[in-house]
N, C-alpha and C. Protein backbone atom coordinates (compact mmCIF):
# COMPACT_ATOMS: atom_id res chain seq x y z
N MET A 1 36.83 -13.17 56.54
CA MET A 1 35.57 -12.54 56.22
C MET A 1 35.79 -11.23 55.48
N LYS A 2 36.73 -10.39 56.02
CA LYS A 2 37.02 -9.12 55.37
C LYS A 2 37.55 -9.34 53.96
N THR A 3 38.39 -10.36 53.81
CA THR A 3 38.99 -10.65 52.51
C THR A 3 37.92 -11.04 51.50
N SER A 4 36.97 -11.88 51.91
CA SER A 4 35.92 -12.29 50.98
C SER A 4 35.02 -11.12 50.61
N LYS A 5 34.75 -10.23 51.57
CA LYS A 5 33.95 -9.04 51.26
C LYS A 5 34.69 -8.15 50.28
N LEU A 6 35.99 -7.97 50.52
CA LEU A 6 36.82 -7.14 49.65
C LEU A 6 36.86 -7.72 48.24
N LEU A 7 37.03 -9.04 48.16
CA LEU A 7 37.05 -9.70 46.86
C LEU A 7 35.70 -9.57 46.15
N SER A 8 34.62 -9.68 46.91
CA SER A 8 33.28 -9.52 46.33
C SER A 8 33.09 -8.13 45.75
N VAL A 9 33.50 -7.12 46.53
CA VAL A 9 33.39 -5.74 46.06
C VAL A 9 34.26 -5.52 44.83
N ALA A 10 35.49 -6.05 44.86
CA ALA A 10 36.41 -5.90 43.73
C ALA A 10 35.85 -6.58 42.48
N PHE A 11 35.29 -7.79 42.67
CA PHE A 11 34.71 -8.50 41.54
C PHE A 11 33.53 -7.73 40.95
N PHE A 12 32.65 -7.22 41.83
CA PHE A 12 31.51 -6.44 41.36
C PHE A 12 31.97 -5.21 40.59
N ALA A 13 32.98 -4.51 41.10
CA ALA A 13 33.49 -3.31 40.44
C ALA A 13 34.07 -3.66 39.07
N LEU A 14 34.80 -4.76 39.01
CA LEU A 14 35.38 -5.19 37.74
C LEU A 14 34.28 -5.57 36.75
N ALA A 15 33.32 -6.37 37.21
CA ALA A 15 32.23 -6.79 36.33
C ALA A 15 31.42 -5.60 35.84
N PHE A 16 31.13 -4.68 36.73
CA PHE A 16 30.36 -3.49 36.34
C PHE A 16 31.16 -2.65 35.36
N GLY A 17 32.45 -2.51 35.60
CA GLY A 17 33.31 -1.73 34.70
C GLY A 17 33.38 -2.33 33.31
N VAL A 18 33.53 -3.65 33.23
CA VAL A 18 33.58 -4.32 31.93
C VAL A 18 32.25 -4.17 31.21
N ALA A 19 31.14 -4.37 31.93
CA ALA A 19 29.82 -4.24 31.30
C ALA A 19 29.61 -2.82 30.81
N SER A 20 30.03 -1.84 31.59
CA SER A 20 29.86 -0.44 31.18
C SER A 20 30.71 -0.14 29.96
N TYR A 21 31.94 -0.64 29.95
CA TYR A 21 32.83 -0.39 28.82
C TYR A 21 32.25 -1.00 27.55
N ALA A 22 31.77 -2.23 27.66
CA ALA A 22 31.25 -2.94 26.49
C ALA A 22 30.00 -2.26 25.93
N GLN A 23 29.33 -1.49 26.74
CA GLN A 23 28.08 -0.90 26.33
C GLN A 23 28.17 0.62 26.14
N LYS A 24 29.35 1.14 25.84
CA LYS A 24 29.47 2.59 25.71
C LYS A 24 28.81 3.09 24.42
N THR A 25 28.39 4.32 24.45
CA THR A 25 27.79 4.97 23.29
C THR A 25 28.92 5.46 22.39
N VAL A 26 28.82 5.15 21.09
CA VAL A 26 29.84 5.53 20.11
C VAL A 26 29.20 6.50 19.13
N MET A 27 29.97 7.50 18.69
CA MET A 27 29.48 8.45 17.69
C MET A 27 29.79 7.90 16.29
N VAL A 28 28.79 7.87 15.43
CA VAL A 28 28.96 7.44 14.04
C VAL A 28 28.14 8.38 13.18
N GLY A 29 28.77 8.95 12.18
CA GLY A 29 28.05 9.85 11.28
C GLY A 29 27.44 11.04 12.00
N GLY A 30 28.12 11.51 13.05
CA GLY A 30 27.64 12.67 13.79
C GLY A 30 26.52 12.39 14.77
N ALA A 31 26.18 11.13 14.96
CA ALA A 31 25.07 10.78 15.86
C ALA A 31 25.51 9.73 16.87
N PRO A 32 24.98 9.81 18.08
CA PRO A 32 25.30 8.78 19.06
C PRO A 32 24.59 7.47 18.70
N MET A 33 25.32 6.38 18.83
CA MET A 33 24.77 5.04 18.60
C MET A 33 24.59 4.41 19.98
N TYR A 34 23.34 4.33 20.41
CA TYR A 34 23.04 3.86 21.76
C TYR A 34 22.98 2.34 21.81
N PRO A 35 23.71 1.72 22.73
CA PRO A 35 23.68 0.26 22.86
C PRO A 35 22.33 -0.30 23.26
N THR A 36 21.43 0.56 23.71
CA THR A 36 20.09 0.12 24.09
C THR A 36 19.13 0.10 22.91
N LYS A 37 19.56 0.64 21.77
CA LYS A 37 18.72 0.64 20.56
C LYS A 37 19.19 -0.44 19.61
N ASN A 38 18.29 -0.86 18.70
CA ASN A 38 18.68 -1.90 17.75
C ASN A 38 19.40 -1.30 16.54
N ILE A 39 19.88 -2.15 15.67
CA ILE A 39 20.69 -1.76 14.52
C ILE A 39 19.98 -0.70 13.67
N VAL A 40 18.72 -0.91 13.36
CA VAL A 40 17.98 0.03 12.51
C VAL A 40 17.75 1.35 13.23
N GLU A 41 17.34 1.29 14.49
CA GLU A 41 17.07 2.51 15.26
C GLU A 41 18.30 3.42 15.32
N ASN A 42 19.48 2.83 15.39
CA ASN A 42 20.70 3.63 15.41
C ASN A 42 21.12 4.06 14.01
N ALA A 43 21.12 3.15 13.06
CA ALA A 43 21.64 3.45 11.72
C ALA A 43 20.91 4.61 11.04
N VAL A 44 19.61 4.73 11.29
CA VAL A 44 18.86 5.81 10.63
C VAL A 44 19.34 7.20 11.06
N ASN A 45 20.08 7.29 12.15
CA ASN A 45 20.56 8.58 12.63
C ASN A 45 21.96 8.95 12.14
N SER A 46 22.65 8.00 11.52
CA SER A 46 24.01 8.25 11.05
C SER A 46 23.99 8.94 9.68
N LYS A 47 24.57 10.12 9.60
CA LYS A 47 24.67 10.84 8.32
C LYS A 47 25.58 10.10 7.34
N ASP A 48 26.44 9.22 7.85
CA ASP A 48 27.37 8.47 7.00
C ASP A 48 26.77 7.20 6.41
N HIS A 49 25.53 6.88 6.80
CA HIS A 49 24.93 5.62 6.36
C HIS A 49 23.56 5.78 5.70
N THR A 50 23.30 6.93 5.11
CA THR A 50 21.99 7.16 4.47
C THR A 50 21.77 6.23 3.28
N THR A 51 22.82 5.94 2.53
CA THR A 51 22.68 5.03 1.38
C THR A 51 22.38 3.62 1.88
N LEU A 52 23.09 3.18 2.90
CA LEU A 52 22.85 1.85 3.45
C LEU A 52 21.43 1.73 4.00
N VAL A 53 20.97 2.74 4.71
CA VAL A 53 19.61 2.71 5.27
C VAL A 53 18.59 2.66 4.14
N ALA A 54 18.78 3.45 3.09
CA ALA A 54 17.86 3.43 1.95
C ALA A 54 17.84 2.05 1.30
N ALA A 55 19.01 1.43 1.20
CA ALA A 55 19.10 0.09 0.59
C ALA A 55 18.41 -0.95 1.47
N VAL A 56 18.61 -0.86 2.78
CA VAL A 56 17.96 -1.80 3.71
C VAL A 56 16.44 -1.68 3.61
N LYS A 57 15.95 -0.45 3.52
CA LYS A 57 14.50 -0.23 3.37
C LYS A 57 14.01 -0.80 2.04
N ALA A 58 14.73 -0.51 0.95
CA ALA A 58 14.33 -1.00 -0.38
C ALA A 58 14.34 -2.52 -0.46
N ALA A 59 15.25 -3.14 0.30
CA ALA A 59 15.37 -4.60 0.28
C ALA A 59 14.37 -5.28 1.20
N GLY A 60 13.62 -4.50 1.99
CA GLY A 60 12.65 -5.08 2.91
C GLY A 60 13.30 -5.78 4.08
N LEU A 61 14.47 -5.31 4.51
CA LEU A 61 15.21 -5.97 5.59
C LEU A 61 15.11 -5.25 6.93
N VAL A 62 14.31 -4.18 6.99
CA VAL A 62 14.19 -3.41 8.22
C VAL A 62 13.70 -4.29 9.37
N GLU A 63 12.61 -5.03 9.16
CA GLU A 63 12.06 -5.87 10.23
C GLU A 63 13.06 -6.91 10.71
N THR A 64 13.78 -7.53 9.78
CA THR A 64 14.77 -8.54 10.13
C THR A 64 15.84 -7.95 11.05
N LEU A 65 16.34 -6.76 10.69
CA LEU A 65 17.41 -6.14 11.47
C LEU A 65 16.92 -5.49 12.77
N GLN A 66 15.61 -5.56 12.99
CA GLN A 66 15.05 -5.08 14.26
C GLN A 66 14.77 -6.24 15.22
N THR A 67 14.93 -7.48 14.74
CA THR A 67 14.71 -8.63 15.62
C THR A 67 15.86 -8.74 16.61
N SER A 68 15.74 -9.68 17.53
CA SER A 68 16.73 -9.80 18.59
C SER A 68 18.09 -10.28 18.11
N GLY A 69 18.14 -10.89 16.90
CA GLY A 69 19.43 -11.33 16.37
C GLY A 69 20.04 -12.41 17.26
N PRO A 70 21.29 -12.21 17.65
CA PRO A 70 22.15 -11.06 17.40
C PRO A 70 22.82 -11.14 16.03
N PHE A 71 23.24 -9.96 15.55
CA PHE A 71 23.91 -9.83 14.25
C PHE A 71 25.21 -9.07 14.40
N THR A 72 26.15 -9.40 13.54
CA THR A 72 27.35 -8.59 13.36
C THR A 72 27.22 -8.00 11.97
N VAL A 73 27.19 -6.67 11.88
CA VAL A 73 27.00 -6.00 10.59
C VAL A 73 28.26 -5.22 10.24
N PHE A 74 28.78 -5.48 9.05
CA PHE A 74 29.88 -4.69 8.50
C PHE A 74 29.20 -3.64 7.63
N ALA A 75 29.07 -2.42 8.18
CA ALA A 75 28.23 -1.37 7.59
C ALA A 75 29.04 -0.40 6.72
N PRO A 76 28.85 -0.49 5.39
CA PRO A 76 29.57 0.44 4.51
C PRO A 76 29.00 1.86 4.60
N THR A 77 29.89 2.81 4.54
CA THR A 77 29.51 4.23 4.58
C THR A 77 29.01 4.69 3.22
N ASN A 78 28.46 5.90 3.18
CA ASN A 78 28.07 6.50 1.90
C ASN A 78 29.27 6.56 0.96
N ALA A 79 30.43 6.93 1.49
CA ALA A 79 31.65 7.02 0.68
C ALA A 79 32.02 5.65 0.10
N ALA A 80 31.74 4.59 0.83
CA ALA A 80 31.99 3.23 0.33
C ALA A 80 31.10 2.94 -0.88
N PHE A 81 29.84 3.32 -0.79
CA PHE A 81 28.92 3.12 -1.92
C PHE A 81 29.34 3.96 -3.13
N GLU A 82 29.90 5.14 -2.87
CA GLU A 82 30.35 6.01 -3.96
C GLU A 82 31.53 5.43 -4.72
N LYS A 83 32.26 4.49 -4.14
CA LYS A 83 33.39 3.83 -4.81
C LYS A 83 32.91 2.83 -5.87
N LEU A 84 31.64 2.41 -5.77
CA LEU A 84 31.11 1.44 -6.75
C LEU A 84 31.01 2.11 -8.12
N PRO A 85 31.07 1.32 -9.20
CA PRO A 85 30.91 1.91 -10.53
C PRO A 85 29.63 2.73 -10.63
N GLU A 86 29.69 3.81 -11.40
CA GLU A 86 28.55 4.71 -11.57
C GLU A 86 27.30 3.94 -11.98
N GLY A 87 26.19 4.23 -11.31
CA GLY A 87 24.91 3.61 -11.63
C GLY A 87 24.63 2.33 -10.86
N THR A 88 25.61 1.80 -10.16
CA THR A 88 25.42 0.53 -9.44
C THR A 88 24.36 0.64 -8.36
N VAL A 89 24.46 1.67 -7.53
CA VAL A 89 23.50 1.82 -6.43
C VAL A 89 22.10 2.02 -6.98
N GLU A 90 21.97 2.88 -7.95
CA GLU A 90 20.66 3.14 -8.55
C GLU A 90 20.07 1.86 -9.13
N SER A 91 20.90 1.07 -9.78
CA SER A 91 20.45 -0.19 -10.37
C SER A 91 20.00 -1.18 -9.29
N LEU A 92 20.77 -1.25 -8.20
CA LEU A 92 20.41 -2.17 -7.11
C LEU A 92 19.11 -1.79 -6.43
N LEU A 93 18.80 -0.50 -6.42
CA LEU A 93 17.59 -0.04 -5.74
C LEU A 93 16.31 -0.23 -6.56
N LYS A 94 16.45 -0.65 -7.81
CA LYS A 94 15.27 -0.89 -8.66
C LYS A 94 14.54 -2.15 -8.18
N PRO A 95 13.21 -2.15 -8.25
CA PRO A 95 12.43 -3.32 -7.80
C PRO A 95 12.86 -4.63 -8.46
N GLU A 96 13.25 -4.59 -9.72
CA GLU A 96 13.65 -5.82 -10.40
C GLU A 96 14.99 -6.37 -9.90
N SER A 97 15.71 -5.59 -9.10
CA SER A 97 17.00 -6.03 -8.54
C SER A 97 16.91 -6.42 -7.07
N LEU A 98 15.67 -6.59 -6.59
CA LEU A 98 15.45 -6.87 -5.17
C LEU A 98 16.29 -8.03 -4.64
N LYS A 99 16.27 -9.16 -5.32
CA LYS A 99 16.99 -10.35 -4.86
C LYS A 99 18.50 -10.08 -4.78
N THR A 100 19.04 -9.40 -5.78
CA THR A 100 20.47 -9.07 -5.78
C THR A 100 20.80 -8.12 -4.64
N LEU A 101 19.94 -7.12 -4.43
CA LEU A 101 20.15 -6.16 -3.35
C LEU A 101 20.13 -6.88 -2.00
N GLN A 102 19.18 -7.77 -1.79
CA GLN A 102 19.10 -8.52 -0.54
C GLN A 102 20.36 -9.36 -0.33
N THR A 103 20.85 -9.97 -1.39
CA THR A 103 22.07 -10.79 -1.29
C THR A 103 23.27 -9.93 -0.93
N VAL A 104 23.42 -8.78 -1.59
CA VAL A 104 24.54 -7.89 -1.30
C VAL A 104 24.49 -7.42 0.15
N LEU A 105 23.31 -7.02 0.62
CA LEU A 105 23.19 -6.51 1.99
C LEU A 105 23.41 -7.61 3.03
N THR A 106 22.82 -8.77 2.83
CA THR A 106 22.99 -9.84 3.83
C THR A 106 24.40 -10.44 3.78
N TYR A 107 25.14 -10.14 2.72
CA TYR A 107 26.55 -10.54 2.63
C TYR A 107 27.39 -9.74 3.64
N HIS A 108 26.87 -8.63 4.13
CA HIS A 108 27.55 -7.81 5.13
C HIS A 108 27.17 -8.19 6.56
N VAL A 109 26.38 -9.25 6.71
CA VAL A 109 25.86 -9.64 8.03
C VAL A 109 26.31 -11.05 8.39
N VAL A 110 26.82 -11.19 9.60
CA VAL A 110 27.21 -12.49 10.15
C VAL A 110 26.28 -12.75 11.34
N ALA A 111 25.74 -13.95 11.42
CA ALA A 111 24.88 -14.31 12.55
C ALA A 111 25.72 -14.37 13.82
N GLY A 112 25.18 -13.84 14.90
CA GLY A 112 25.88 -13.81 16.17
C GLY A 112 26.57 -12.46 16.37
N LYS A 113 27.01 -12.23 17.57
CA LYS A 113 27.68 -10.96 17.89
C LYS A 113 29.18 -11.21 18.01
N MET A 114 29.94 -10.60 17.10
CA MET A 114 31.40 -10.69 17.13
C MET A 114 31.98 -9.30 17.28
N ASN A 115 32.43 -8.97 18.49
CA ASN A 115 33.07 -7.67 18.64
C ASN A 115 34.49 -7.77 18.07
N ALA A 116 35.21 -6.67 18.04
CA ALA A 116 36.54 -6.65 17.42
C ALA A 116 37.48 -7.65 18.09
N ALA A 117 37.38 -7.79 19.40
CA ALA A 117 38.24 -8.74 20.11
C ALA A 117 37.93 -10.18 19.67
N ASP A 118 36.64 -10.48 19.44
CA ASP A 118 36.26 -11.81 18.95
C ASP A 118 36.81 -12.06 17.56
N VAL A 119 36.73 -11.06 16.69
CA VAL A 119 37.26 -11.19 15.33
C VAL A 119 38.76 -11.38 15.39
N ALA A 120 39.45 -10.58 16.20
CA ALA A 120 40.91 -10.69 16.33
C ALA A 120 41.30 -12.07 16.86
N LYS A 121 40.53 -12.59 17.82
CA LYS A 121 40.79 -13.92 18.38
C LYS A 121 40.63 -15.00 17.30
N ALA A 122 39.58 -14.86 16.48
CA ALA A 122 39.36 -15.82 15.39
C ALA A 122 40.49 -15.74 14.36
N ILE A 123 40.97 -14.54 14.10
CA ILE A 123 42.09 -14.35 13.15
C ILE A 123 43.34 -15.05 13.70
N LYS A 124 43.60 -14.85 14.97
CA LYS A 124 44.77 -15.48 15.60
C LYS A 124 44.64 -17.00 15.55
N ALA A 125 43.44 -17.51 15.87
CA ALA A 125 43.21 -18.96 15.86
C ALA A 125 43.35 -19.54 14.44
N GLY A 126 43.09 -18.71 13.44
CA GLY A 126 43.18 -19.15 12.05
C GLY A 126 44.54 -18.84 11.42
N ASN A 127 45.54 -18.60 12.27
CA ASN A 127 46.89 -18.31 11.79
C ASN A 127 46.94 -17.12 10.84
N GLY A 128 46.22 -16.06 11.21
CA GLY A 128 46.29 -14.82 10.44
C GLY A 128 45.05 -14.51 9.62
N LYS A 129 44.12 -15.46 9.53
CA LYS A 129 42.89 -15.22 8.77
C LYS A 129 41.73 -15.93 9.44
N ALA A 130 40.56 -15.31 9.35
CA ALA A 130 39.35 -15.94 9.87
C ALA A 130 38.29 -15.91 8.78
N THR A 131 37.67 -17.04 8.55
CA THR A 131 36.60 -17.11 7.56
C THR A 131 35.28 -16.92 8.29
N LEU A 132 34.51 -15.93 7.84
CA LEU A 132 33.22 -15.61 8.46
C LEU A 132 32.11 -15.98 7.48
N LYS A 133 31.18 -16.78 7.92
CA LYS A 133 30.04 -17.17 7.09
C LYS A 133 28.97 -16.09 7.20
N THR A 134 28.53 -15.58 6.07
CA THR A 134 27.53 -14.51 6.08
C THR A 134 26.11 -15.07 6.03
N VAL A 135 25.16 -14.23 6.38
CA VAL A 135 23.75 -14.61 6.35
C VAL A 135 23.32 -14.97 4.92
N SER A 136 23.96 -14.37 3.92
CA SER A 136 23.61 -14.67 2.52
C SER A 136 24.15 -16.02 2.06
N GLY A 137 25.02 -16.64 2.90
CA GLY A 137 25.60 -17.93 2.53
C GLY A 137 27.01 -17.81 2.00
N GLY A 138 27.49 -16.60 1.80
CA GLY A 138 28.85 -16.40 1.31
C GLY A 138 29.86 -16.38 2.44
N THR A 139 31.10 -16.08 2.09
CA THR A 139 32.16 -15.99 3.10
C THR A 139 32.91 -14.68 2.98
N LEU A 140 33.35 -14.19 4.13
CA LEU A 140 34.23 -13.03 4.22
C LEU A 140 35.49 -13.51 4.91
N THR A 141 36.61 -12.91 4.58
CA THR A 141 37.87 -13.26 5.24
C THR A 141 38.35 -12.06 6.04
N ALA A 142 38.51 -12.26 7.34
CA ALA A 142 38.99 -11.19 8.22
C ALA A 142 40.49 -11.41 8.46
N TRP A 143 41.21 -10.31 8.51
CA TRP A 143 42.65 -10.37 8.77
C TRP A 143 43.09 -9.05 9.38
N MET A 144 44.30 -9.02 9.88
CA MET A 144 44.77 -7.81 10.55
C MET A 144 46.10 -7.34 9.95
N LYS A 145 46.26 -6.03 9.97
CA LYS A 145 47.53 -5.41 9.62
C LYS A 145 47.80 -4.46 10.78
N GLY A 146 48.78 -4.79 11.61
CA GLY A 146 48.97 -4.05 12.84
C GLY A 146 47.79 -4.31 13.74
N LYS A 147 47.15 -3.25 14.21
CA LYS A 147 45.97 -3.39 15.07
C LYS A 147 44.67 -3.19 14.31
N LYS A 148 44.76 -2.93 13.01
CA LYS A 148 43.56 -2.68 12.20
C LYS A 148 43.01 -3.99 11.64
N ILE A 149 41.67 -4.07 11.62
CA ILE A 149 41.00 -5.24 11.06
C ILE A 149 40.54 -4.92 9.65
N TYR A 150 40.75 -5.86 8.76
CA TYR A 150 40.33 -5.74 7.37
C TYR A 150 39.44 -6.93 7.03
N ILE A 151 38.56 -6.70 6.08
CA ILE A 151 37.66 -7.75 5.59
C ILE A 151 37.86 -7.83 4.08
N THR A 152 38.06 -9.05 3.58
CA THR A 152 38.19 -9.26 2.14
C THR A 152 36.99 -10.07 1.68
N ASP A 153 36.38 -9.62 0.56
CA ASP A 153 35.21 -10.34 0.04
C ASP A 153 35.65 -11.47 -0.89
N GLU A 154 34.70 -12.19 -1.45
CA GLU A 154 34.99 -13.35 -2.30
C GLU A 154 35.64 -12.97 -3.63
N ASN A 155 35.63 -11.68 -3.96
CA ASN A 155 36.25 -11.21 -5.20
C ASN A 155 37.65 -10.64 -4.96
N GLY A 156 38.08 -10.64 -3.70
CA GLY A 156 39.40 -10.13 -3.37
C GLY A 156 39.44 -8.65 -3.02
N SER A 157 38.28 -7.99 -2.99
CA SER A 157 38.23 -6.57 -2.60
C SER A 157 38.38 -6.47 -1.09
N MET A 158 39.13 -5.46 -0.66
CA MET A 158 39.45 -5.30 0.75
C MET A 158 38.75 -4.09 1.33
N SER A 159 38.27 -4.24 2.56
CA SER A 159 37.60 -3.15 3.27
C SER A 159 38.21 -3.04 4.66
N GLU A 160 38.48 -1.81 5.09
CA GLU A 160 39.02 -1.59 6.43
C GLU A 160 37.89 -1.30 7.40
N VAL A 161 37.97 -1.88 8.58
CA VAL A 161 37.03 -1.54 9.66
C VAL A 161 37.53 -0.21 10.22
N THR A 162 36.76 0.86 9.98
CA THR A 162 37.18 2.19 10.40
C THR A 162 36.66 2.57 11.78
N ILE A 163 35.52 2.01 12.16
CA ILE A 163 34.97 2.17 13.52
C ILE A 163 34.47 0.79 13.95
N ALA A 164 35.10 0.26 14.99
CA ALA A 164 34.72 -1.08 15.48
C ALA A 164 33.86 -0.96 16.72
N ASP A 165 33.17 -2.04 17.00
CA ASP A 165 32.44 -2.20 18.27
C ASP A 165 31.39 -1.13 18.55
N VAL A 166 30.52 -0.91 17.58
CA VAL A 166 29.38 -0.03 17.80
C VAL A 166 28.26 -0.96 18.27
N ASN A 167 28.18 -1.11 19.60
CA ASN A 167 27.26 -2.08 20.19
C ASN A 167 25.80 -1.65 20.03
N GLN A 168 24.96 -2.63 19.78
CA GLN A 168 23.53 -2.45 19.59
C GLN A 168 22.80 -3.41 20.52
N SER A 169 21.52 -3.21 20.72
CA SER A 169 20.77 -4.13 21.57
C SER A 169 20.66 -5.51 20.93
N ASN A 170 20.82 -5.58 19.61
CA ASN A 170 20.69 -6.86 18.90
C ASN A 170 21.95 -7.23 18.12
N GLY A 171 23.10 -6.77 18.59
CA GLY A 171 24.35 -7.15 17.95
C GLY A 171 25.38 -6.04 17.99
N VAL A 172 26.18 -6.00 16.94
CA VAL A 172 27.27 -5.02 16.86
C VAL A 172 27.47 -4.61 15.40
N ILE A 173 27.82 -3.34 15.22
CA ILE A 173 28.15 -2.82 13.90
C ILE A 173 29.63 -2.50 13.88
N HIS A 174 30.27 -2.84 12.75
CA HIS A 174 31.63 -2.41 12.46
C HIS A 174 31.52 -1.60 11.17
N VAL A 175 31.89 -0.34 11.22
CA VAL A 175 31.82 0.52 10.04
C VAL A 175 32.98 0.15 9.11
N VAL A 176 32.67 -0.02 7.81
CA VAL A 176 33.71 -0.35 6.83
C VAL A 176 33.74 0.68 5.70
N ASP A 177 34.89 0.77 5.05
CA ASP A 177 35.08 1.82 4.03
C ASP A 177 34.89 1.35 2.60
N THR A 178 34.49 0.10 2.40
CA THR A 178 34.27 -0.44 1.05
C THR A 178 33.09 -1.39 1.09
N VAL A 179 32.25 -1.35 0.05
CA VAL A 179 31.14 -2.30 -0.06
C VAL A 179 31.71 -3.66 -0.40
N LEU A 180 31.30 -4.67 0.33
CA LEU A 180 31.74 -6.04 0.11
C LEU A 180 30.75 -6.73 -0.84
N LEU A 181 31.28 -7.43 -1.82
CA LEU A 181 30.41 -8.05 -2.82
C LEU A 181 30.64 -9.56 -2.92
N PRO A 182 29.54 -10.32 -2.93
CA PRO A 182 29.68 -11.77 -3.08
C PRO A 182 30.10 -12.11 -4.51
N LYS A 183 30.65 -13.30 -4.67
CA LYS A 183 31.02 -13.77 -6.01
C LYS A 183 29.77 -13.89 -6.86
N GLN A 184 29.85 -13.41 -8.06
CA GLN A 184 28.67 -13.46 -8.96
C GLN A 184 28.62 -14.77 -9.72
C-alpha cells in the first residue's frame, strides 16, 4: 500500500514537473511569451518580430493564427527580413502582392505542434533530415548540426532556429534568423 502511494505521488510529481517545464514562459524580443496566450497575442509584444506582425496583419492571417490550430511557426526576426533584397518587404506588403505575401507567410507554418524534440526525433527517423509539409503546400527540410536545428527552404537557403520551443496556447513558435521562401 505504501509503495503504491509513493509511486502515485512520484508519478504525479513527475507529470506535474514535465507539464510545467513544457509550458514555461520564454522571453522573445524583450517580452515574455506566455503559453496561455495564442501566437498573435504573444507575437505582437516581441520587438524582434514587428515586421512579421505587420506582414501577418497585411496578409489577413491574424484570425487564422488566433484559432486553436495547433500550428508550428518558424518566425523570422526583423533582422531576417532585413537580409532580403532591398524593397522586397515593401513590395510584399502592397495590396497587389497579397497572394504572394500569404504564400510566403504560410510557408513558415506547419500544421500541428512540433516542439524541438519532435523535430529532432523526425530528423533522426529520416537519417539526418526531416521533410516538413507547410500550410502553403511547400516543403521545408529540417536538419541538425550538433544540437542546433536548421531549416532549409526549397531554394536551398538555410535558417537557424535561434530560440526553440516558445509554447503558445495554439501551438509553438521557433524563432529563425532567415526568411524562408518557397520555390517560385
